[in-house]
Amino acid sequence: QGQLVESGGGLVQAGGSLRLSCAASGLTISDYGMAWFRQAPGTEREFVAIISRNALVRYYTDSVKGRFTVSRDNAKNTVSLEMNFLKPEDTAVYYCAGDKRLSFYNRRDATAAEFDTWGQGTQVTVSS
């Protein structure tokens, strides 16, 4: 069974930046459509960004457009989320997720139910 492990979370002031990484082991990440989700206390897991297997297709939730960038390095078996101009409302546990079956035809977002492989999450806290 493959695993995903996130890293790079932490505490940052509003306006700052963080770069999250998701490292895959036991699976070939180039076979997977990949996404980032986040979950704040008392809320449902929320879609943040998605990237296709060849990185040609990327979509973001409206609240992070222009601030976050999702990327992948299939040779290194990793996916990243560059987060700039962070806001207190970005505070959450961030998860990377992958699934081999994802289609990117006519896609603009994703739901957690579409993914069968998840990391354990990394905490991002943005102070005001």
Foldseek 3Di string as FASTA:
>chain_A
DKAKAKDWADEEAQQAKIKMKIAIDPDQCLLKWKFKWWDDPPDDIGGAKTAHSVRPDMAGDPVQPPFKDWDDDRVRRMIMIIGGSDDQVVWTWMKMFIDNPDDPVVDHTDDPVRTDYIHPTDTHGYHD
